[in-house]
Amino acid sequence: MKRVMFVCKKNSARSQMAEGFAKTLGKGKIEVISSGLEASQVRPEAIATMKEIGIDITDQHSKPLSDFQAQDFDVVVSLCGCGVNLPPEWVMQEVFEDWQLDDPAEQPEIFPRVRDEIKERVTQLIESVNKEITPAQ
């Protein structure tokens, strides 16, 4: 099973929503966690926006990227364009994507739009990761 890390600046909104979608939509297909360049706390707007569509992320918490090792993950996704700030070993994983999504923390009214963009991208990511699984030799 592929291991996916979603990373953002503070691990408070976009990466938390991505983790929630990936845990729900990718259950049994991928293992997922999220982190931030620095830890903070999950924004109440992120929790509320996900709850609107039936996904509960209240048990998720913000974690610093420094708590993890790059080699433990197959896929690394930056959600905020912070790829340039990641230590090189994170960018050099098997799959690295930098989604550069708008920050809803600065404009809470865009939370639903950003959530829907994340859902679409997470769905595509799960499909592509599962296509890439190579048969045993």
C-alpha atoms as a PDB file:
ATOM      1  CA  MET A   1       0.000   0.000   0.000  1.00  0.00           C
ATOM      2  CA  LYS A   2       1.384   3.416  -0.981  1.00  0.00           C
ATOM      3  CA  ARG A   3       2.111   5.881   1.824  1.00  0.00           C
ATOM      4  CA  VAL A   4       1.103   9.497   1.166  1.00  0.00           C
ATOM      5  CA  MET A   5       2.190  12.675   2.972  1.00  0.00           C
ATOM      6  CA  PHE A   6       0.204  15.883   2.459  1.00  0.00           C
ATOM      7  CA  VAL A   7       2.209  18.907   3.552  1.00  0.00           C
ATOM      8  CA  CYS A   8       1.337  22.586   3.932  1.00  0.00           C
ATOM      9  CA  LYS A   9       2.726  25.594   5.763  1.00  0.00           C
ATOM     10  CA  LYS A  10       0.860  25.109   9.041  1.00  0.00           C
ATOM     11  CA  ASN A  11      -1.091  21.861   8.606  1.00  0.00           C
ATOM     12  CA  SER A  12      -4.256  23.683   9.633  1.00  0.00           C
ATOM     13  CA  ALA A  13      -6.650  23.649   6.639  1.00  0.00           C
ATOM     14  CA  ARG A  14      -5.733  22.406   3.122  1.00  0.00           C
ATOM     15  CA  SER A  15      -3.529  19.489   4.175  1.00  0.00           C
ATOM     16  CA  GLN A  16      -6.031  18.521   6.881  1.00  0.00           C
ATOM     17  CA  MET A  17      -8.898  18.451   4.368  1.00  0.00           C
ATOM     18  CA  ALA A  18      -6.731  16.416   1.973  1.00  0.00           C
ATOM     19  CA  GLU A  19      -5.956  13.942   4.755  1.00  0.00           C
ATOM     20  CA  GLY A  20      -9.675  13.655   5.538  1.00  0.00           C
ATOM     21  CA  PHE A  21     -10.573  12.986   1.898  1.00  0.00           C
ATOM     22  CA  ALA A  22      -7.719  10.525   1.409  1.00  0.00           C
ATOM     23  CA  LYS A  23      -8.631   8.561   4.547  1.00  0.00           C
ATOM     24  CA  THR A  24     -12.253   8.369   3.392  1.00  0.00           C
ATOM     25  CA  LEU A  25     -11.882   7.922  -0.382  1.00  0.00           C
ATOM     26  CA  GLY A  26      -8.639   5.946  -0.225  1.00  0.00           C
ATOM     27  CA  LYS A  27      -9.555   3.603   2.610  1.00  0.00           C
ATOM     28  CA  GLY A  28      -7.803   0.289   2.025  1.00  0.00           C
ATOM     29  CA  LYS A  29      -5.950   1.754  -0.990  1.00  0.00           C
ATOM     30  CA  ILE A  30      -3.438   4.186   0.522  1.00  0.00           C
ATOM     31  CA  GLU A  31      -2.055   5.122   3.930  1.00  0.00           C
ATOM     32  CA  VAL A  32      -2.114   8.855   4.565  1.00  0.00           C
ATOM     33  CA  ILE A  33      -0.968  11.503   6.999  1.00  0.00           C
ATOM     34  CA  SER A  34      -0.516  15.262   6.827  1.00  0.00           C
ATOM     35  CA  SER A  35       1.952  17.683   8.351  1.00  0.00           C
ATOM     36  CA  GLY A  36       3.140  21.268   8.146  1.00  0.00           C
ATOM     37  CA  LEU A  37       6.433  23.097   7.837  1.00  0.00           C
ATOM     38  CA  GLU A  38       5.367  24.212  11.308  1.00  0.00           C
ATOM     39  CA  ALA A  39       2.560  22.776  13.407  1.00  0.00           C
ATOM     40  CA  SER A  40      -0.403  24.860  14.510  1.00  0.00           C
ATOM     41  CA  GLN A  41      -3.993  23.684  15.001  1.00  0.00           C
ATOM     42  CA  VAL A  42      -6.775  22.478  12.725  1.00  0.00           C
ATOM     43  CA  ARG A  43      -8.931  25.440  11.751  1.00  0.00           C
ATOM     44  CA  PRO A  44     -12.580  25.233  12.852  1.00  0.00           C
ATOM     45  CA  GLU A  45     -13.608  26.318   9.325  1.00  0.00           C
ATOM     46  CA  ALA A  46     -11.826  23.260   7.867  1.00  0.00           C
ATOM     47  CA  ILE A  47     -13.648  20.972  10.301  1.00  0.00           C
ATOM     48  CA  ALA A  48     -17.021  22.644   9.554  1.00  0.00           C
ATOM     49  CA  THR A  49     -16.507  22.629   5.767  1.00  0.00           C
ATOM     50  CA  MET A  50     -15.686  18.907   5.778  1.00  0.00           C
ATOM     51  CA  LYS A  51     -18.574  18.138   8.131  1.00  0.00           C
ATOM     52  CA  GLU A  52     -20.943  19.749   5.573  1.00  0.00           C
ATOM     53  CA  ILE A  53     -20.175  16.854   3.214  1.00  0.00           C
ATOM     54  CA  GLY A  54     -20.171  14.146   5.876  1.00  0.00           C
ATOM     55  CA  ILE A  55     -16.444  13.796   6.620  1.00  0.00           C
ATOM     56  CA  ASP A  56     -15.401  14.208  10.251  1.00  0.00           C
ATOM     57  CA  ILE A  57     -11.822  15.437  10.773  1.00  0.00           C
ATOM     58  CA  THR A  58     -12.246  16.482  14.419  1.00  0.00           C
ATOM     59  CA  ASP A  59      -9.822  13.767  15.568  1.00  0.00           C
ATOM     60  CA  GLN A  60      -7.008  15.008  13.277  1.00  0.00           C
ATOM     61  CA  HIS A  61      -4.335  17.274  14.705  1.00  0.00           C
ATOM     62  CA  SER A  62      -1.559  19.434  13.309  1.00  0.00           C
ATOM     63  CA  LYS A  63       1.887  17.830  13.153  1.00  0.00           C
ATOM     64  CA  PRO A  64       5.316  19.234  12.152  1.00  0.00           C
ATOM     65  CA  LEU A  65       7.000  17.705   9.099  1.00  0.00           C
ATOM     66  CA  SER A  66      10.138  17.323  11.230  1.00  0.00           C
ATOM     67  CA  ASP A  67       8.389  14.481  13.109  1.00  0.00           C
ATOM     68  CA  PHE A  68       8.582  12.301   9.972  1.00  0.00           C
ATOM     69  CA  GLN A  69      11.211  10.748   7.693  1.00  0.00           C
ATOM     70  CA  ALA A  70      10.935  11.284   3.923  1.00  0.00           C
ATOM     71  CA  GLN A  71      11.961   7.695   3.142  1.00  0.00           C
ATOM     72  CA  ASP A  72       8.834   6.435   4.928  1.00  0.00           C
ATOM     73  CA  PHE A  73       6.596   7.867   2.162  1.00  0.00           C
ATOM     74  CA  ASP A  74       6.049   7.017  -1.524  1.00  0.00           C
ATOM     75  CA  VAL A  75       4.028  10.111  -2.425  1.00  0.00           C
ATOM     76  CA  VAL A  76       4.527  13.673  -1.164  1.00  0.00           C
ATOM     77  CA  VAL A  77       1.997  16.390  -2.020  1.00  0.00           C
ATOM     78  CA  SER A  78       2.455  20.052  -1.161  1.00  0.00           C
ATOM     79  CA  LEU A  79      -0.877  21.894  -1.154  1.00  0.00           C
ATOM     80  CA  CYS A  80       0.378  25.454  -0.850  1.00  0.00           C
ATOM     81  CA  GLY A  81       3.265  25.838  -3.247  1.00  0.00           C
ATOM     82  CA  CYS A  82       5.644  25.315  -0.341  1.00  0.00           C
ATOM     83  CA  GLY A  83       7.568  22.640  -2.233  1.00  0.00           C
ATOM     84  CA  VAL A  84      10.455  25.079  -2.617  1.00  0.00           C
ATOM     85  CA  ASN A  85      10.709  25.260   1.179  1.00  0.00           C
ATOM     86  CA  LEU A  86      10.738  21.514   1.770  1.00  0.00           C
ATOM     87  CA  PRO A  87      13.983  19.726   2.600  1.00  0.00           C
ATOM     88  CA  PRO A  88      15.317  18.166  -0.652  1.00  0.00           C
ATOM     89  CA  GLU A  89      14.705  14.565   0.449  1.00  0.00           C
ATOM     90  CA  TRP A  90      10.931  15.257   0.522  1.00  0.00           C
ATOM     91  CA  VAL A  91      10.844  16.617  -3.032  1.00  0.00           C
ATOM     92  CA  MET A  92      12.825  13.641  -4.348  1.00  0.00           C
ATOM     93  CA  GLN A  93      10.347  10.933  -3.360  1.00  0.00           C
ATOM     94  CA  GLU A  94       8.870   8.516  -5.931  1.00  0.00           C
ATOM     95  CA  VAL A  95       5.981  10.935  -6.588  1.00  0.00           C
ATOM     96  CA  PHE A  96       6.065  14.639  -5.683  1.00  0.00           C
ATOM     97  CA  GLU A  97       3.279  17.057  -6.578  1.00  0.00           C
ATOM     98  CA  ASP A  98       2.869  20.737  -5.715  1.00  0.00           C
ATOM     99  CA  TRP A  99      -0.813  21.680  -6.021  1.00  0.00           C
ATOM    100  CA  GLN A 100      -0.549  25.398  -5.104  1.00  0.00           C
ATOM    101  CA  LEU A 101      -4.112  25.824  -3.869  1.00  0.00           C
ATOM    102  CA  ASP A 102      -5.487  29.123  -2.557  1.00  0.00           C
ATOM    103  CA  ASP A 103      -5.236  29.560   1.217  1.00  0.00           C
ATOM    104  CA  PRO A 104      -8.749  29.637   2.706  1.00  0.00           C
ATOM    105  CA  ALA A 105      -7.340  30.777   6.060  1.00  0.00           C
ATOM    106  CA  GLU A 106      -6.915  34.222   4.506  1.00  0.00           C
ATOM    107  CA  GLN A 107     -10.426  34.200   2.945  1.00  0.00           C
ATOM    108  CA  PRO A 108     -12.766  31.892   4.884  1.00  0.00           C
ATOM    109  CA  GLU A 109     -15.527  32.296   2.258  1.00  0.00           C
ATOM    110  CA  ILE A 110     -13.480  30.193  -0.206  1.00  0.00           C
ATOM    111  CA  PHE A 111     -13.278  27.130   2.083  1.00  0.00           C
ATOM    112  CA  PRO A 112     -16.021  25.234   0.138  1.00  0.00           C
ATOM    113  CA  ARG A 113     -14.350  25.901  -3.240  1.00  0.00           C
ATOM    114  CA  VAL A 114     -10.902  24.883  -1.992  1.00  0.00           C
ATOM    115  CA  ARG A 115     -12.411  21.786  -0.327  1.00  0.00           C
ATOM    116  CA  ASP A 116     -13.998  20.734  -3.629  1.00  0.00           C
ATOM    117  CA  GLU A 117     -10.710  21.286  -5.510  1.00  0.00           C
ATOM    118  CA  ILE A 118      -8.906  19.154  -2.937  1.00  0.00           C
ATOM    119  CA  LYS A 119     -11.515  16.378  -3.272  1.00  0.00           C
ATOM    120  CA  GLU A 120     -11.059  16.324  -7.054  1.00  0.00           C
ATOM    121  CA  ARG A 121      -7.254  16.190  -6.802  1.00  0.00           C
ATOM    122  CA  VAL A 122      -7.228  13.579  -4.025  1.00  0.00           C
ATOM    123  CA  THR A 123      -9.580  11.394  -6.108  1.00  0.00           C
ATOM    124  CA  GLN A 124      -7.216  11.675  -9.104  1.00  0.00           C
ATOM    125  CA  LEU A 125      -4.191  10.992  -6.883  1.00  0.00           C
ATOM    126  CA  ILE A 126      -5.734   7.804  -5.452  1.00  0.00           C
ATOM    127  CA  GLU A 127      -6.555   6.585  -8.977  1.00  0.00           C
ATOM    128  CA  SER A 128      -3.068   7.342 -10.323  1.00  0.00           C
ATOM    129  CA  VAL A 129      -1.275   5.836  -7.318  1.00  0.00           C
ATOM    130  CA  ASN A 130      -3.283   2.633  -7.612  1.00  0.00           C
ATOM    131  CA  LYS A 131      -2.552   2.386 -11.360  1.00  0.00           C
ATOM    132  CA  GLU A 132       1.160   2.646 -10.635  1.00  0.00           C
ATOM    133  CA  ILE A 133       1.245  -0.388  -8.354  1.00  0.00           C
ATOM    134  CA  THR A 134       3.448  -2.824 -10.201  1.00  0.00           C
ATOM    135  CA  PRO A 135       2.792  -6.574 -10.052  1.00  0.00           C
ATOM    136  CA  ALA A 136       5.215  -8.693  -8.039  1.00  0.00           C
ATOM    137  CA  GLN A 137       8.165  -9.933 -10.052  1.00  0.00           C
END
